[in-house]
Amino acid sequence: MTLDLFPAEEISTLHFEQAAQARGFSAVAGIDEAGRGPLAGPVVAAAVILPEAFDLPGLTDSKKLTPGRREALFPLIRAQARALGVGVVSAAEIDELNILQATLRAMSLAVERLQCPADYLLIDGITPLPLALPQKTLKKGDSRSLSVAAASVVAKVVRDRMMVGFDARFPGYGFARHKGYGSADHLAAIARLGPSPLHRRTFGGVREHLEKS
C-alpha cells in the first residue's frame, strides 16, 4: 500500500508544536495511549518528538485509520521522528492503580524513554502528567496535533501487536481478533473459560465472573 491511497483527511497543522517552539521549547513531545477501555491486556502509551519539517500524508487520529493504514504509517513515523518512547502498564498494575493512574504512568514512562529528552509535552486528554515539565492537555488532541496523532498510531500498533502475541499464549479468548475489548464473543469466552491472567479483574465483564467463582 502506498501513501497516495490514503484519504486526504490528515491533520495539516503543527499549531500547538509551533506555539511551544515560539516560546523557546525545542523538543515538543506528543503523547497518547491505547487500551483504556478493554477488559484485557495492558494500557500502552507513546511519546513522539517530530522534526520541524515534518510531512506525512495520511496521518490522523489512529481511531480513524484502518489497521493496514496504521501498520503502513508506523515505520514511517519511526523513521522521521526525532525521538520515540513507549510505556506499558500491565493488567495487574491497572487493577492495583485504577485505569486513570495506570494511563498516566504509561504516558510518563513513554516520556522517560524518549531517546532525547522532551522539554514540552502535548498530552491527549484533560489530565496533566505528574512530571516536572511544561505541558498542555488537549481534548481530542489526536485530531488536533500531528505529534499526538503520531503517538496515537504508535501506541495502537504496539498494543495490537502485543495482543496478537498474547493470543497464542492464552488461546480461546480471541485476543488477536478483538484486542481485549468487550465484544460479544470475548464476553462469551470469559463466561466459558473464566478470566485469564491477562484480564483486568476490576473491570465489569470480568469482575462478575470472579465474584461467582
N, C-alpha and C. Protein backbone atom coordinates (compact mmCIF):
# COMPACT_ATOMS: atom_id res chain seq x y z
N MET A 1 0.85 -1.20 0.00
CA MET A 1 0.00 0.00 0.00
C MET A 1 0.88 1.24 0.00
N THR A 2 0.56 2.23 -0.81
CA THR A 2 1.32 3.47 -0.84
C THR A 2 0.51 4.56 -0.16
N LEU A 3 1.20 5.58 0.28
CA LEU A 3 0.53 6.67 0.96
C LEU A 3 -0.39 7.45 0.03
N ASP A 4 -0.20 7.33 -1.29
CA ASP A 4 -1.09 8.01 -2.23
C ASP A 4 -2.52 7.51 -2.11
N LEU A 5 -2.69 6.32 -1.55
CA LEU A 5 -4.02 5.75 -1.42
C LEU A 5 -4.73 6.21 -0.16
N PHE A 6 -4.03 6.94 0.71
CA PHE A 6 -4.66 7.39 1.94
C PHE A 6 -5.63 8.53 1.66
N PRO A 7 -6.73 8.61 2.38
CA PRO A 7 -7.65 9.73 2.20
C PRO A 7 -7.01 11.04 2.63
N ALA A 8 -7.46 12.12 2.05
CA ALA A 8 -6.85 13.43 2.31
C ALA A 8 -7.48 14.11 3.52
N GLU A 9 -7.64 13.38 4.64
CA GLU A 9 -8.22 13.97 5.85
C GLU A 9 -7.19 14.08 6.95
N GLU A 10 -5.90 13.97 6.58
CA GLU A 10 -4.88 14.00 7.61
C GLU A 10 -4.85 15.37 8.30
N ILE A 11 -4.34 15.39 9.52
CA ILE A 11 -4.15 16.64 10.22
C ILE A 11 -3.10 17.46 9.47
N SER A 12 -3.37 18.73 9.25
CA SER A 12 -2.45 19.55 8.46
C SER A 12 -1.80 20.64 9.29
N THR A 13 -1.95 20.59 10.62
CA THR A 13 -1.43 21.68 11.44
C THR A 13 -0.42 21.18 12.46
N LEU A 14 0.59 21.98 12.66
CA LEU A 14 1.52 21.82 13.77
C LEU A 14 1.40 23.02 14.70
N HIS A 15 0.16 23.54 14.82
CA HIS A 15 -0.08 24.79 15.54
C HIS A 15 0.45 24.74 16.96
N PHE A 16 0.11 23.68 17.70
CA PHE A 16 0.49 23.62 19.11
C PHE A 16 2.00 23.42 19.27
N GLU A 17 2.57 22.63 18.37
CA GLU A 17 4.02 22.43 18.40
C GLU A 17 4.74 23.76 18.10
N GLN A 18 4.26 24.48 17.09
CA GLN A 18 4.90 25.73 16.70
C GLN A 18 4.70 26.80 17.78
N ALA A 19 3.56 26.79 18.45
CA ALA A 19 3.34 27.75 19.53
C ALA A 19 4.33 27.52 20.67
N ALA A 20 4.59 26.26 20.98
CA ALA A 20 5.57 25.94 22.02
C ALA A 20 6.98 26.33 21.57
N GLN A 21 7.29 26.07 20.31
CA GLN A 21 8.62 26.42 19.78
C GLN A 21 8.82 27.93 19.80
N ALA A 22 7.75 28.70 19.53
CA ALA A 22 7.85 30.15 19.56
C ALA A 22 8.17 30.67 20.96
N ARG A 23 7.86 29.86 21.97
CA ARG A 23 8.16 30.23 23.36
C ARG A 23 9.54 29.73 23.79
N GLY A 24 10.27 29.13 22.85
CA GLY A 24 11.64 28.72 23.15
C GLY A 24 11.85 27.25 23.40
N PHE A 25 10.80 26.44 23.32
CA PHE A 25 10.94 25.00 23.53
C PHE A 25 11.39 24.34 22.21
N SER A 26 12.29 23.39 22.32
CA SER A 26 12.88 22.82 21.11
C SER A 26 12.60 21.33 20.93
N ALA A 27 12.04 20.69 21.95
CA ALA A 27 11.77 19.25 21.87
C ALA A 27 10.36 18.99 22.40
N VAL A 28 9.36 19.21 21.53
CA VAL A 28 7.95 19.10 21.90
C VAL A 28 7.47 17.69 21.62
N ALA A 29 7.03 17.01 22.65
CA ALA A 29 6.58 15.62 22.52
C ALA A 29 5.07 15.54 22.57
N GLY A 30 4.49 14.83 21.61
CA GLY A 30 3.08 14.49 21.65
C GLY A 30 2.90 13.15 22.33
N ILE A 31 1.85 13.02 23.14
CA ILE A 31 1.66 11.81 23.95
C ILE A 31 0.22 11.34 23.83
N ASP A 32 0.05 10.04 23.61
CA ASP A 32 -1.29 9.45 23.57
C ASP A 32 -1.19 8.00 24.02
N GLU A 33 -2.35 7.38 24.25
CA GLU A 33 -2.40 6.00 24.75
C GLU A 33 -3.35 5.17 23.92
N ALA A 34 -3.24 3.87 24.09
CA ALA A 34 -4.18 2.92 23.52
C ALA A 34 -4.48 1.87 24.59
N GLY A 35 -5.76 1.52 24.70
CA GLY A 35 -6.11 0.43 25.61
C GLY A 35 -6.68 0.83 26.94
N ARG A 36 -7.34 1.97 27.04
CA ARG A 36 -8.00 2.32 28.31
C ARG A 36 -9.25 1.48 28.54
N GLY A 37 -9.99 1.18 27.48
CA GLY A 37 -11.29 0.55 27.62
C GLY A 37 -11.37 -0.95 27.63
N PRO A 38 -10.38 -1.69 27.12
CA PRO A 38 -10.51 -3.14 27.03
C PRO A 38 -10.65 -3.83 28.38
N LEU A 39 -11.13 -5.06 28.33
CA LEU A 39 -11.26 -5.89 29.52
C LEU A 39 -9.99 -6.67 29.80
N ALA A 40 -9.08 -6.71 28.85
CA ALA A 40 -7.85 -7.50 29.00
C ALA A 40 -6.69 -6.79 28.33
N GLY A 41 -5.50 -7.09 28.83
CA GLY A 41 -4.29 -6.56 28.24
C GLY A 41 -3.82 -5.26 28.87
N PRO A 42 -2.65 -4.80 28.49
CA PRO A 42 -2.07 -3.60 29.07
C PRO A 42 -2.64 -2.33 28.47
N VAL A 43 -2.36 -1.22 29.13
CA VAL A 43 -2.52 0.08 28.51
C VAL A 43 -1.14 0.50 28.02
N VAL A 44 -1.08 1.00 26.79
CA VAL A 44 0.19 1.34 26.14
C VAL A 44 0.15 2.82 25.75
N ALA A 45 1.21 3.52 26.06
CA ALA A 45 1.32 4.93 25.68
C ALA A 45 2.57 5.15 24.84
N ALA A 46 2.51 6.18 24.02
CA ALA A 46 3.67 6.55 23.21
C ALA A 46 3.90 8.05 23.32
N ALA A 47 5.16 8.43 23.25
CA ALA A 47 5.57 9.83 23.16
C ALA A 47 6.41 9.99 21.90
N VAL A 48 6.12 11.02 21.12
CA VAL A 48 6.81 11.22 19.85
C VAL A 48 7.23 12.68 19.72
N ILE A 49 8.50 12.89 19.42
CA ILE A 49 9.01 14.22 19.08
C ILE A 49 9.26 14.25 17.58
N LEU A 50 8.55 15.13 16.89
CA LEU A 50 8.67 15.22 15.43
C LEU A 50 9.65 16.32 15.05
N PRO A 51 10.27 16.20 13.89
CA PRO A 51 11.11 17.31 13.39
C PRO A 51 10.22 18.47 12.96
N GLU A 52 10.83 19.65 12.87
CA GLU A 52 10.05 20.82 12.47
C GLU A 52 9.51 20.67 11.05
N ALA A 53 10.29 20.14 10.15
CA ALA A 53 9.85 19.95 8.77
C ALA A 53 9.28 18.55 8.62
N PHE A 54 8.14 18.34 9.24
CA PHE A 54 7.52 17.01 9.22
C PHE A 54 6.36 16.99 8.24
N ASP A 55 6.32 15.96 7.41
CA ASP A 55 5.24 15.84 6.44
C ASP A 55 4.96 14.36 6.22
N LEU A 56 3.77 13.94 6.61
CA LEU A 56 3.40 12.54 6.43
C LEU A 56 1.93 12.47 6.03
N PRO A 57 1.64 12.49 4.73
CA PRO A 57 0.25 12.44 4.27
C PRO A 57 -0.46 11.21 4.81
N GLY A 58 -1.70 11.41 5.21
CA GLY A 58 -2.50 10.31 5.73
C GLY A 58 -2.50 10.18 7.23
N LEU A 59 -1.61 10.91 7.93
CA LEU A 59 -1.54 10.78 9.38
C LEU A 59 -2.70 11.50 10.04
N THR A 60 -3.41 10.79 10.90
CA THR A 60 -4.51 11.36 11.68
C THR A 60 -4.71 10.49 12.90
N ASP A 61 -5.71 10.80 13.68
CA ASP A 61 -6.10 10.02 14.85
C ASP A 61 -6.16 8.54 14.46
N SER A 62 -5.49 7.70 15.23
CA SER A 62 -5.40 6.27 14.88
C SER A 62 -6.77 5.61 14.78
N LYS A 63 -7.75 6.12 15.53
CA LYS A 63 -9.09 5.51 15.51
C LYS A 63 -9.78 5.71 14.16
N LYS A 64 -9.30 6.67 13.38
CA LYS A 64 -9.89 6.93 12.07
C LYS A 64 -9.19 6.14 10.95
N LEU A 65 -8.19 5.36 11.31
CA LEU A 65 -7.40 4.63 10.32
C LEU A 65 -7.68 3.14 10.41
N THR A 66 -7.59 2.46 9.30
CA THR A 66 -7.71 1.00 9.30
C THR A 66 -6.42 0.40 9.87
N PRO A 67 -6.48 -0.85 10.34
CA PRO A 67 -5.24 -1.49 10.82
C PRO A 67 -4.13 -1.47 9.78
N GLY A 68 -4.47 -1.69 8.51
CA GLY A 68 -3.45 -1.68 7.47
C GLY A 68 -2.80 -0.33 7.31
N ARG A 69 -3.57 0.74 7.42
CA ARG A 69 -3.00 2.08 7.28
C ARG A 69 -2.13 2.43 8.48
N ARG A 70 -2.56 2.00 9.68
CA ARG A 70 -1.72 2.23 10.87
C ARG A 70 -0.38 1.51 10.72
N GLU A 71 -0.43 0.27 10.25
CA GLU A 71 0.81 -0.50 10.08
C GLU A 71 1.71 0.15 9.03
N ALA A 72 1.13 0.73 7.99
CA ALA A 72 1.93 1.39 6.96
C ALA A 72 2.56 2.68 7.48
N LEU A 73 1.84 3.41 8.32
CA LEU A 73 2.36 4.67 8.85
C LEU A 73 3.40 4.46 9.94
N PHE A 74 3.28 3.38 10.68
CA PHE A 74 4.13 3.15 11.85
C PHE A 74 5.63 3.24 11.52
N PRO A 75 6.14 2.51 10.53
CA PRO A 75 7.58 2.61 10.25
C PRO A 75 7.98 3.98 9.71
N LEU A 76 7.06 4.67 9.05
CA LEU A 76 7.37 6.00 8.52
C LEU A 76 7.48 7.01 9.65
N ILE A 77 6.62 6.87 10.67
CA ILE A 77 6.74 7.73 11.85
C ILE A 77 8.06 7.46 12.56
N ARG A 78 8.40 6.19 12.72
CA ARG A 78 9.66 5.85 13.39
C ARG A 78 10.86 6.41 12.63
N ALA A 79 10.79 6.37 11.31
CA ALA A 79 11.92 6.84 10.51
C ALA A 79 12.08 8.35 10.58
N GLN A 80 10.97 9.09 10.66
CA GLN A 80 11.05 10.55 10.63
C GLN A 80 11.15 11.19 12.01
N ALA A 81 10.68 10.51 13.03
CA ALA A 81 10.65 11.11 14.37
C ALA A 81 12.06 11.40 14.89
N ARG A 82 12.20 12.50 15.60
CA ARG A 82 13.47 12.78 16.29
C ARG A 82 13.65 11.82 17.46
N ALA A 83 12.56 11.48 18.11
CA ALA A 83 12.63 10.56 19.25
C ALA A 83 11.27 9.92 19.44
N LEU A 84 11.30 8.72 20.00
CA LEU A 84 10.07 7.96 20.23
C LEU A 84 10.25 7.13 21.50
N GLY A 85 9.24 7.13 22.35
CA GLY A 85 9.26 6.32 23.57
C GLY A 85 7.93 5.63 23.77
N VAL A 86 7.96 4.45 24.37
CA VAL A 86 6.75 3.68 24.63
C VAL A 86 6.72 3.26 26.10
N GLY A 87 5.55 3.37 26.71
CA GLY A 87 5.35 2.92 28.08
C GLY A 87 4.22 1.91 28.14
N VAL A 88 4.40 0.84 28.90
CA VAL A 88 3.42 -0.23 29.01
C VAL A 88 3.12 -0.48 30.48
N VAL A 89 1.84 -0.54 30.82
CA VAL A 89 1.40 -0.87 32.18
C VAL A 89 0.46 -2.05 32.09
N SER A 90 0.76 -3.09 32.86
CA SER A 90 0.06 -4.37 32.75
C SER A 90 -1.34 -4.33 33.34
N ALA A 91 -2.09 -5.38 33.04
CA ALA A 91 -3.45 -5.52 33.60
C ALA A 91 -3.41 -5.57 35.12
N ALA A 92 -2.43 -6.26 35.69
CA ALA A 92 -2.32 -6.33 37.15
C ALA A 92 -2.09 -4.96 37.75
N GLU A 93 -1.25 -4.15 37.11
CA GLU A 93 -1.00 -2.79 37.59
C GLU A 93 -2.23 -1.92 37.43
N ILE A 94 -2.98 -2.12 36.35
CA ILE A 94 -4.23 -1.38 36.16
C ILE A 94 -5.19 -1.66 37.31
N ASP A 95 -5.31 -2.94 37.69
CA ASP A 95 -6.18 -3.30 38.80
C ASP A 95 -5.70 -2.67 40.11
N GLU A 96 -4.40 -2.57 40.27
CA GLU A 96 -3.84 -2.00 41.50
C GLU A 96 -3.99 -0.49 41.57
N LEU A 97 -3.79 0.18 40.44
CA LEU A 97 -3.73 1.64 40.43
C LEU A 97 -5.05 2.31 40.10
N ASN A 98 -5.87 1.69 39.26
CA ASN A 98 -7.06 2.17 38.54
C ASN A 98 -6.60 2.64 37.17
N ILE A 99 -7.53 2.67 36.23
CA ILE A 99 -7.15 2.86 34.83
C ILE A 99 -6.61 4.27 34.56
N LEU A 100 -7.12 5.28 35.24
CA LEU A 100 -6.59 6.64 35.02
C LEU A 100 -5.14 6.72 35.46
N GLN A 101 -4.85 6.26 36.67
CA GLN A 101 -3.48 6.35 37.17
C GLN A 101 -2.54 5.46 36.36
N ALA A 102 -3.03 4.32 35.91
CA ALA A 102 -2.22 3.44 35.07
C ALA A 102 -1.90 4.11 33.74
N THR A 103 -2.88 4.81 33.18
CA THR A 103 -2.66 5.53 31.92
C THR A 103 -1.62 6.63 32.10
N LEU A 104 -1.73 7.38 33.18
CA LEU A 104 -0.76 8.44 33.44
C LEU A 104 0.63 7.86 33.65
N ARG A 105 0.71 6.69 34.29
CA ARG A 105 2.00 6.04 34.48
C ARG A 105 2.59 5.61 33.14
N ALA A 106 1.75 5.01 32.27
CA ALA A 106 2.24 4.60 30.95
C ALA A 106 2.73 5.79 30.15
N MET A 107 1.99 6.90 30.21
CA MET A 107 2.41 8.10 29.49
C MET A 107 3.72 8.64 30.04
N SER A 108 3.84 8.65 31.36
CA SER A 108 5.08 9.14 31.99
C SER A 108 6.27 8.27 31.60
N LEU A 109 6.07 6.95 31.58
CA LEU A 109 7.13 6.04 31.16
C LEU A 109 7.54 6.30 29.72
N ALA A 110 6.55 6.56 28.86
CA ALA A 110 6.87 6.84 27.46
C ALA A 110 7.74 8.08 27.33
N VAL A 111 7.42 9.11 28.09
CA VAL A 111 8.23 10.34 28.07
C VAL A 111 9.65 10.05 28.56
N GLU A 112 9.76 9.29 29.64
CA GLU A 112 11.07 8.99 30.22
C GLU A 112 11.93 8.14 29.29
N ARG A 113 11.29 7.40 28.37
CA ARG A 113 12.03 6.51 27.48
C ARG A 113 12.34 7.12 26.12
N LEU A 114 12.05 8.40 25.94
CA LEU A 114 12.44 9.09 24.71
C LEU A 114 13.97 9.07 24.58
N GLN A 115 14.46 8.88 23.34
CA GLN A 115 15.91 8.82 23.14
C GLN A 115 16.59 10.16 23.42
N CYS A 116 15.85 11.26 23.23
CA CYS A 116 16.36 12.56 23.66
C CYS A 116 15.26 13.20 24.51
N PRO A 117 15.62 13.92 25.55
CA PRO A 117 14.61 14.41 26.49
C PRO A 117 13.70 15.48 25.87
N ALA A 118 12.42 15.40 26.23
CA ALA A 118 11.46 16.42 25.83
C ALA A 118 11.57 17.61 26.78
N ASP A 119 11.27 18.80 26.26
CA ASP A 119 11.20 19.97 27.14
C ASP A 119 9.80 20.57 27.19
N TYR A 120 8.85 19.98 26.43
CA TYR A 120 7.45 20.42 26.46
C TYR A 120 6.58 19.25 26.03
N LEU A 121 5.42 19.09 26.68
CA LEU A 121 4.55 17.96 26.40
C LEU A 121 3.18 18.42 25.91
N LEU A 122 2.69 17.75 24.87
CA LEU A 122 1.31 17.90 24.40
C LEU A 122 0.61 16.58 24.68
N ILE A 123 -0.39 16.60 25.56
CA ILE A 123 -0.98 15.38 26.09
C ILE A 123 -2.42 15.25 25.62
N ASP A 124 -2.75 14.11 25.03
CA ASP A 124 -4.14 13.87 24.66
C ASP A 124 -4.97 13.68 25.92
N GLY A 125 -6.05 14.44 26.05
CA GLY A 125 -6.91 14.30 27.22
C GLY A 125 -6.94 15.57 28.05
N ILE A 126 -7.39 15.42 29.29
CA ILE A 126 -7.58 16.59 30.16
C ILE A 126 -6.76 16.52 31.45
N THR A 127 -5.98 15.46 31.62
CA THR A 127 -5.25 15.27 32.88
C THR A 127 -3.76 15.45 32.65
N PRO A 128 -3.13 16.39 33.35
CA PRO A 128 -1.67 16.56 33.21
C PRO A 128 -0.92 15.35 33.75
N LEU A 129 0.32 15.24 33.32
CA LEU A 129 1.18 14.16 33.81
C LEU A 129 1.94 14.61 35.06
N PRO A 130 2.24 13.68 35.96
CA PRO A 130 2.99 14.03 37.17
C PRO A 130 4.49 14.12 36.89
N LEU A 131 4.83 15.00 35.95
CA LEU A 131 6.22 15.19 35.56
C LEU A 131 6.55 16.68 35.65
N ALA A 132 7.78 16.98 36.01
CA ALA A 132 8.21 18.37 36.16
C ALA A 132 8.63 18.94 34.82
N LEU A 133 7.67 18.97 33.88
CA LEU A 133 7.90 19.51 32.55
C LEU A 133 6.73 20.42 32.17
N PRO A 134 6.99 21.51 31.46
CA PRO A 134 5.87 22.30 30.93
C PRO A 134 5.02 21.42 30.03
N GLN A 135 3.71 21.59 30.11
CA GLN A 135 2.84 20.71 29.35
C GLN A 135 1.49 21.36 29.08
N LYS A 136 0.82 20.83 28.06
CA LYS A 136 -0.52 21.30 27.70
C LYS A 136 -1.38 20.09 27.41
N THR A 137 -2.57 20.03 28.03
CA THR A 137 -3.52 18.97 27.72
C THR A 137 -4.43 19.43 26.59
N LEU A 138 -4.79 18.48 25.73
CA LEU A 138 -5.62 18.79 24.57
C LEU A 138 -6.76 17.79 24.46
N LYS A 139 -7.99 18.27 24.62
CA LYS A 139 -9.13 17.41 24.33
C LYS A 139 -9.10 17.03 22.85
N LYS A 140 -9.28 15.73 22.58
CA LYS A 140 -9.20 15.23 21.21
C LYS A 140 -7.90 15.65 20.56
N GLY A 141 -6.83 15.57 21.33
CA GLY A 141 -5.53 16.01 20.84
C GLY A 141 -5.05 15.23 19.64
N ASP A 142 -5.47 13.94 19.54
CA ASP A 142 -5.04 13.14 18.40
C ASP A 142 -5.67 13.59 17.09
N SER A 143 -6.66 14.48 17.16
CA SER A 143 -7.24 15.07 15.95
C SER A 143 -6.82 16.52 15.75
N ARG A 144 -5.98 17.04 16.67
CA ARG A 144 -5.61 18.45 16.62
C ARG A 144 -4.11 18.70 16.54
N SER A 145 -3.33 17.70 16.84
CA SER A 145 -1.88 17.85 16.87
C SER A 145 -1.23 16.70 16.13
N LEU A 146 -0.30 17.02 15.23
CA LEU A 146 0.37 15.97 14.46
C LEU A 146 1.20 15.06 15.34
N SER A 147 1.88 15.63 16.33
CA SER A 147 2.72 14.79 17.17
C SER A 147 1.88 13.88 18.05
N VAL A 148 0.73 14.35 18.51
CA VAL A 148 -0.17 13.49 19.28
C VAL A 148 -0.76 12.41 18.38
N ALA A 149 -1.12 12.78 17.15
CA ALA A 149 -1.62 11.78 16.20
C ALA A 149 -0.58 10.70 15.94
N ALA A 150 0.69 11.11 15.79
CA ALA A 150 1.76 10.14 15.59
C ALA A 150 1.86 9.21 16.79
N ALA A 151 1.76 9.77 17.99
CA ALA A 151 1.82 8.95 19.20
C ALA A 151 0.65 7.99 19.27
N SER A 152 -0.52 8.43 18.82
CA SER A 152 -1.69 7.55 18.86
C SER A 152 -1.51 6.35 17.95
N VAL A 153 -0.90 6.56 16.79
CA VAL A 153 -0.65 5.45 15.86
C VAL A 153 0.37 4.48 16.45
N VAL A 154 1.45 5.02 17.00
CA VAL A 154 2.49 4.17 17.59
C VAL A 154 1.92 3.34 18.73
N ALA A 155 1.18 3.98 19.64
CA ALA A 155 0.62 3.26 20.78
C ALA A 155 -0.33 2.16 20.34
N LYS A 156 -1.17 2.47 19.37
CA LYS A 156 -2.15 1.50 18.90
C LYS A 156 -1.49 0.31 18.21
N VAL A 157 -0.50 0.57 17.35
CA VAL A 157 0.18 -0.52 16.66
C VAL A 157 0.93 -1.40 17.64
N VAL A 158 1.65 -0.80 18.58
CA VAL A 158 2.39 -1.58 19.57
C VAL A 158 1.44 -2.44 20.39
N ARG A 159 0.34 -1.86 20.84
CA ARG A 159 -0.59 -2.65 21.67
C ARG A 159 -1.25 -3.76 20.86
N ASP A 160 -1.68 -3.47 19.65
CA ASP A 160 -2.31 -4.50 18.83
C ASP A 160 -1.36 -5.67 18.58
N ARG A 161 -0.10 -5.36 18.33
CA ARG A 161 0.87 -6.44 18.13
C ARG A 161 1.06 -7.27 19.40
N MET A 162 1.03 -6.60 20.55
CA MET A 162 1.14 -7.33 21.81
C MET A 162 -0.04 -8.28 21.99
N MET A 163 -1.24 -7.81 21.65
CA MET A 163 -2.42 -8.64 21.84
C MET A 163 -2.42 -9.83 20.89
N VAL A 164 -1.89 -9.66 19.70
CA VAL A 164 -1.75 -10.80 18.78
C VAL A 164 -0.81 -11.84 19.38
N GLY A 165 0.27 -11.37 20.00
CA GLY A 165 1.17 -12.29 20.66
C GLY A 165 0.53 -13.00 21.84
N PHE A 166 -0.28 -12.27 22.60
CA PHE A 166 -0.97 -12.88 23.75
C PHE A 166 -1.98 -13.93 23.31
N ASP A 167 -2.50 -13.79 22.09
CA ASP A 167 -3.49 -14.75 21.61
C ASP A 167 -2.92 -16.17 21.59
N ALA A 168 -1.63 -16.29 21.27
CA ALA A 168 -1.00 -17.61 21.25
C ALA A 168 -0.76 -18.14 22.66
N ARG A 169 -0.49 -17.24 23.60
CA ARG A 169 -0.23 -17.65 24.98
C ARG A 169 -1.50 -18.01 25.73
N PHE A 170 -2.60 -17.35 25.38
CA PHE A 170 -3.88 -17.57 26.04
C PHE A 170 -4.94 -17.88 24.99
N PRO A 171 -4.90 -19.07 24.41
CA PRO A 171 -5.82 -19.40 23.32
C PRO A 171 -7.26 -19.51 23.80
N GLY A 172 -8.16 -19.28 22.87
CA GLY A 172 -9.58 -19.45 23.16
C GLY A 172 -10.33 -18.16 23.40
N TYR A 173 -9.61 -17.08 23.72
CA TYR A 173 -10.28 -15.81 24.02
C TYR A 173 -10.44 -14.92 22.79
N GLY A 174 -9.65 -15.16 21.75
CA GLY A 174 -9.75 -14.35 20.54
C GLY A 174 -9.06 -13.00 20.63
N PHE A 175 -7.98 -12.91 21.43
CA PHE A 175 -7.31 -11.63 21.61
C PHE A 175 -6.80 -11.03 20.31
N ALA A 176 -6.36 -11.85 19.38
CA ALA A 176 -5.85 -11.33 18.11
C ALA A 176 -6.95 -10.64 17.32
N ARG A 177 -8.17 -11.04 17.56
CA ARG A 177 -9.31 -10.50 16.81
C ARG A 177 -9.86 -9.22 17.45
N HIS A 178 -10.19 -9.27 18.74
CA HIS A 178 -10.85 -8.12 19.37
C HIS A 178 -9.91 -7.27 20.22
N LYS A 179 -8.66 -7.71 20.38
CA LYS A 179 -7.62 -6.96 21.10
C LYS A 179 -7.99 -6.68 22.56
N GLY A 180 -8.86 -7.53 23.12
CA GLY A 180 -9.20 -7.39 24.53
C GLY A 180 -10.45 -6.58 24.82
N TYR A 181 -11.02 -5.97 23.80
CA TYR A 181 -12.25 -5.18 24.03
C TYR A 181 -13.43 -6.10 24.30
N GLY A 182 -14.48 -5.54 24.87
CA GLY A 182 -15.59 -6.35 25.36
C GLY A 182 -16.60 -6.71 24.29
N SER A 183 -16.16 -7.37 23.24
CA SER A 183 -17.07 -7.84 22.20
C SER A 183 -17.90 -9.01 22.72
N ALA A 184 -18.95 -9.33 21.98
CA ALA A 184 -19.83 -10.42 22.41
C ALA A 184 -19.08 -11.75 22.49
N ASP A 185 -18.22 -12.01 21.51
CA ASP A 185 -17.50 -13.29 21.55
C ASP A 185 -16.46 -13.32 22.66
N HIS A 186 -15.91 -12.16 23.01
CA HIS A 186 -14.96 -12.09 24.13
C HIS A 186 -15.68 -12.37 25.45
N LEU A 187 -16.83 -11.75 25.64
CA LEU A 187 -17.61 -11.98 26.87
C LEU A 187 -18.03 -13.44 26.97
N ALA A 188 -18.39 -14.03 25.84
CA ALA A 188 -18.77 -15.45 25.84
C ALA A 188 -17.58 -16.33 26.21
N ALA A 189 -16.38 -15.95 25.75
CA ALA A 189 -15.18 -16.72 26.08
C ALA A 189 -14.85 -16.62 27.56
N ILE A 190 -15.04 -15.44 28.14
CA ILE A 190 -14.80 -15.28 29.58
C ILE A 190 -15.77 -16.15 30.37
N ALA A 191 -17.04 -16.17 29.94
CA ALA A 191 -18.04 -16.99 30.62
C ALA A 191 -17.70 -18.47 30.50
N ARG A 192 -17.15 -18.86 29.38
CA ARG A 192 -16.84 -20.27 29.12
C ARG A 192 -15.55 -20.72 29.80
N LEU A 193 -14.52 -19.88 29.73
CA LEU A 193 -13.18 -20.26 30.19
C LEU A 193 -12.79 -19.66 31.52
N GLY A 194 -13.52 -18.61 31.94
CA GLY A 194 -13.08 -17.86 33.11
C GLY A 194 -12.02 -16.85 32.71
N PRO A 195 -11.74 -15.86 33.56
CA PRO A 195 -10.73 -14.86 33.23
C PRO A 195 -9.33 -15.47 33.15
N SER A 196 -8.52 -14.94 32.24
CA SER A 196 -7.13 -15.35 32.11
C SER A 196 -6.26 -14.41 32.95
N PRO A 197 -4.96 -14.69 33.09
CA PRO A 197 -4.07 -13.76 33.79
C PRO A 197 -3.98 -12.40 33.12
N LEU A 198 -4.41 -12.31 31.88
CA LEU A 198 -4.36 -11.06 31.14
C LEU A 198 -5.56 -10.16 31.41
N HIS A 199 -6.58 -10.68 32.06
CA HIS A 199 -7.80 -9.91 32.25
C HIS A 199 -7.70 -8.94 33.43
N ARG A 200 -8.40 -7.82 33.28
CA ARG A 200 -8.45 -6.79 34.31
C ARG A 200 -9.58 -7.15 35.29
N ARG A 201 -9.20 -7.55 36.46
CA ARG A 201 -10.15 -8.12 37.39
C ARG A 201 -11.09 -7.11 38.03
N THR A 202 -10.78 -5.82 37.94
CA THR A 202 -11.65 -4.79 38.49
C THR A 202 -12.64 -4.25 37.46
N PHE A 203 -12.57 -4.75 36.23
CA PHE A 203 -13.44 -4.24 35.17
C PHE A 203 -14.73 -5.06 35.09
N GLY A 204 -15.85 -4.36 34.89
CA GLY A 204 -17.11 -5.04 34.65
C GLY A 204 -17.01 -5.93 33.43
N GLY A 205 -17.63 -7.08 33.50
CA GLY A 205 -17.49 -8.07 32.45
C GLY A 205 -16.48 -9.14 32.82
N VAL A 206 -15.58 -8.79 33.73
CA VAL A 206 -14.61 -9.75 34.29
C VAL A 206 -14.90 -9.96 35.77
N ARG A 207 -15.11 -8.87 36.47
CA ARG A 207 -15.32 -8.92 37.93
C ARG A 207 -16.48 -9.82 38.31
N GLU A 208 -17.56 -9.78 37.51
CA GLU A 208 -18.73 -10.58 37.85
C GLU A 208 -18.42 -12.07 37.85
N HIS A 209 -17.57 -12.53 36.95
CA HIS A 209 -17.24 -13.94 36.89
C HIS A 209 -16.35 -14.36 38.05
N LEU A 210 -15.52 -13.45 38.54
CA LEU A 210 -14.70 -13.75 39.71
C LEU A 210 -15.57 -13.82 40.96
N GLU A 211 -16.58 -12.96 41.03
CA GLU A 211 -17.46 -12.96 42.20
C GLU A 211 -18.30 -14.24 42.28
N LYS A 212 -18.58 -14.84 41.11
CA LYS A 212 -19.37 -16.07 41.10
C LYS A 212 -18.54 -17.30 41.48
N SER A 213 -17.22 -17.20 41.28
CA SER A 213 -16.38 -18.39 41.50
C SER A 213 -16.01 -18.57 42.97
